[in-house]
Amino acid sequence: MLKNYKINQYHCFAAIGNKCDNSYECYQAEDYKNDSPIKSMMCDLNICTCADNYILNVEDKCISKSAGKQK
């Protein structure tokens, strides 16, 4: 499922599978809430994908590979 997240009135970030030009455009809500320096998504070949060491779960969210193995 393709989604866009509107972070605030000035920023709209692309979700998994959406087109992008730069990694900062690719975001999921958890990245914004946690304000982590390590983001779960990146822009690869102009498409937002899960970042290195992250996998896509059944809810279309990028989770760390280690968290995915625990379940």
C-alpha atoms as a PDB file:
ATOM      1  CA  MET A   1       0.000   0.000   0.000  1.00  0.00           C
ATOM      2  CA  LEU A   2       1.479   3.342  -1.025  1.00  0.00           C
ATOM      3  CA  LYS A   3       1.089   6.192   1.418  1.00  0.00           C
ATOM      4  CA  ASN A   4       2.325   9.716   1.926  1.00  0.00           C
ATOM      5  CA  TYR A   5       2.863  11.019   5.424  1.00  0.00           C
ATOM      6  CA  LYS A   6       2.168  14.665   6.106  1.00  0.00           C
ATOM      7  CA  ILE A   7       4.526  15.511   8.954  1.00  0.00           C
ATOM      8  CA  ASN A   8       3.374  19.091   9.365  1.00  0.00           C
ATOM      9  CA  GLN A   9       1.906  21.814   7.211  1.00  0.00           C
ATOM     10  CA  TYR A  10       5.254  22.395   5.476  1.00  0.00           C
ATOM     11  CA  HIS A  11       6.540  18.869   4.830  1.00  0.00           C
ATOM     12  CA  CYS A  12       5.103  15.859   3.073  1.00  0.00           C
ATOM     13  CA  PHE A  13       7.336  12.802   2.914  1.00  0.00           C
ATOM     14  CA  ALA A  14       7.129   9.822   0.598  1.00  0.00           C
ATOM     15  CA  ALA A  15       6.388   6.356   1.951  1.00  0.00           C
ATOM     16  CA  ILE A  16       7.645   2.937   0.847  1.00  0.00           C
ATOM     17  CA  GLY A  17       7.343   2.437  -2.914  1.00  0.00           C
ATOM     18  CA  ASN A  18       6.843   6.106  -3.732  1.00  0.00           C
ATOM     19  CA  LYS A  19       9.075   8.097  -6.077  1.00  0.00           C
ATOM     20  CA  CYS A  20      11.854  10.182  -4.543  1.00  0.00           C
ATOM     21  CA  ASP A  21      14.971  12.156  -5.423  1.00  0.00           C
ATOM     22  CA  ASN A  22      16.729  12.117  -2.024  1.00  0.00           C
ATOM     23  CA  SER A  23      16.675   9.863   1.047  1.00  0.00           C
ATOM     24  CA  TYR A  24      15.395  12.665   3.294  1.00  0.00           C
ATOM     25  CA  GLU A  25      12.132  12.500   1.323  1.00  0.00           C
ATOM     26  CA  CYS A  26      11.550   8.883   2.417  1.00  0.00           C
ATOM     27  CA  TYR A  27      10.097   8.615   5.887  1.00  0.00           C
ATOM     28  CA  GLN A  28       7.747   6.522   7.930  1.00  0.00           C
ATOM     29  CA  ALA A  29       5.838   7.868  10.918  1.00  0.00           C
ATOM     30  CA  GLU A  30       7.999   5.942  13.408  1.00  0.00           C
ATOM     31  CA  ASP A  31      11.141   7.723  12.175  1.00  0.00           C
ATOM     32  CA  TYR A  32       9.580  11.108  12.852  1.00  0.00           C
ATOM     33  CA  LYS A  33       8.197  10.134  16.268  1.00  0.00           C
ATOM     34  CA  ASN A  34      11.468   8.597  17.485  1.00  0.00           C
ATOM     35  CA  ASP A  35      13.685  11.305  15.952  1.00  0.00           C
ATOM     36  CA  SER A  36      16.406   8.689  15.503  1.00  0.00           C
ATOM     37  CA  PRO A  37      19.549   9.591  13.526  1.00  0.00           C
ATOM     38  CA  ILE A  38      19.254   6.191  11.810  1.00  0.00           C
ATOM     39  CA  LYS A  39      16.283   6.210   9.464  1.00  0.00           C
ATOM     40  CA  SER A  40      14.490   3.063   8.375  1.00  0.00           C
ATOM     41  CA  MET A  41      14.009   4.173   4.769  1.00  0.00           C
ATOM     42  CA  MET A  42      16.162   5.469   1.933  1.00  0.00           C
ATOM     43  CA  CYS A  43      15.823   6.567  -1.668  1.00  0.00           C
ATOM     44  CA  ASP A  44      17.239   3.903  -3.995  1.00  0.00           C
ATOM     45  CA  LEU A  45      16.985   4.348  -7.772  1.00  0.00           C
ATOM     46  CA  ASN A  46      14.341   7.049  -7.180  1.00  0.00           C
ATOM     47  CA  ILE A  47      12.047   4.751  -5.157  1.00  0.00           C
ATOM     48  CA  CYS A  48      11.635   4.808  -1.375  1.00  0.00           C
ATOM     49  CA  THR A  49      12.775   1.466   0.027  1.00  0.00           C
ATOM     50  CA  CYS A  50      13.813   0.033   3.377  1.00  0.00           C
ATOM     51  CA  ALA A  51      17.302   1.132   4.394  1.00  0.00           C
ATOM     52  CA  ASP A  52      20.218  -1.250   4.871  1.00  0.00           C
ATOM     53  CA  ASN A  53      19.630  -3.626   7.791  1.00  0.00           C
ATOM     54  CA  TYR A  54      15.856  -3.102   7.545  1.00  0.00           C
ATOM     55  CA  ILE A  55      13.169  -5.341   6.035  1.00  0.00           C
ATOM     56  CA  LEU A  56       9.570  -4.743   5.002  1.00  0.00           C
ATOM     57  CA  ASN A  57       7.067  -6.425   7.316  1.00  0.00           C
ATOM     58  CA  VAL A  58       3.497  -7.507   6.541  1.00  0.00           C
ATOM     59  CA  GLU A  59       2.183  -4.096   7.628  1.00  0.00           C
ATOM     60  CA  ASP A  60       4.290  -2.346   4.940  1.00  0.00           C
ATOM     61  CA  LYS A  61       6.650  -0.921   7.560  1.00  0.00           C
ATOM     62  CA  CYS A  62      10.427  -1.096   7.537  1.00  0.00           C
ATOM     63  CA  ILE A  63      11.679  -2.812  10.679  1.00  0.00           C
ATOM     64  CA  SER A  64      15.215  -3.738  11.691  1.00  0.00           C
ATOM     65  CA  LYS A  65      16.318  -7.156  10.477  1.00  0.00           C
ATOM     66  CA  SER A  66      17.069  -8.198  14.055  1.00  0.00           C
ATOM     67  CA  ALA A  67      13.531  -7.293  15.163  1.00  0.00           C
ATOM     68  CA  GLY A  68      12.104  -9.276  12.243  1.00  0.00           C
ATOM     69  CA  LYS A  69      14.009 -12.412  13.306  1.00  0.00           C
ATOM     70  CA  GLN A  70      12.654 -12.235  16.859  1.00  0.00           C
ATOM     71  CA  LYS A  71       9.067 -12.774  15.732  1.00  0.00           C
END
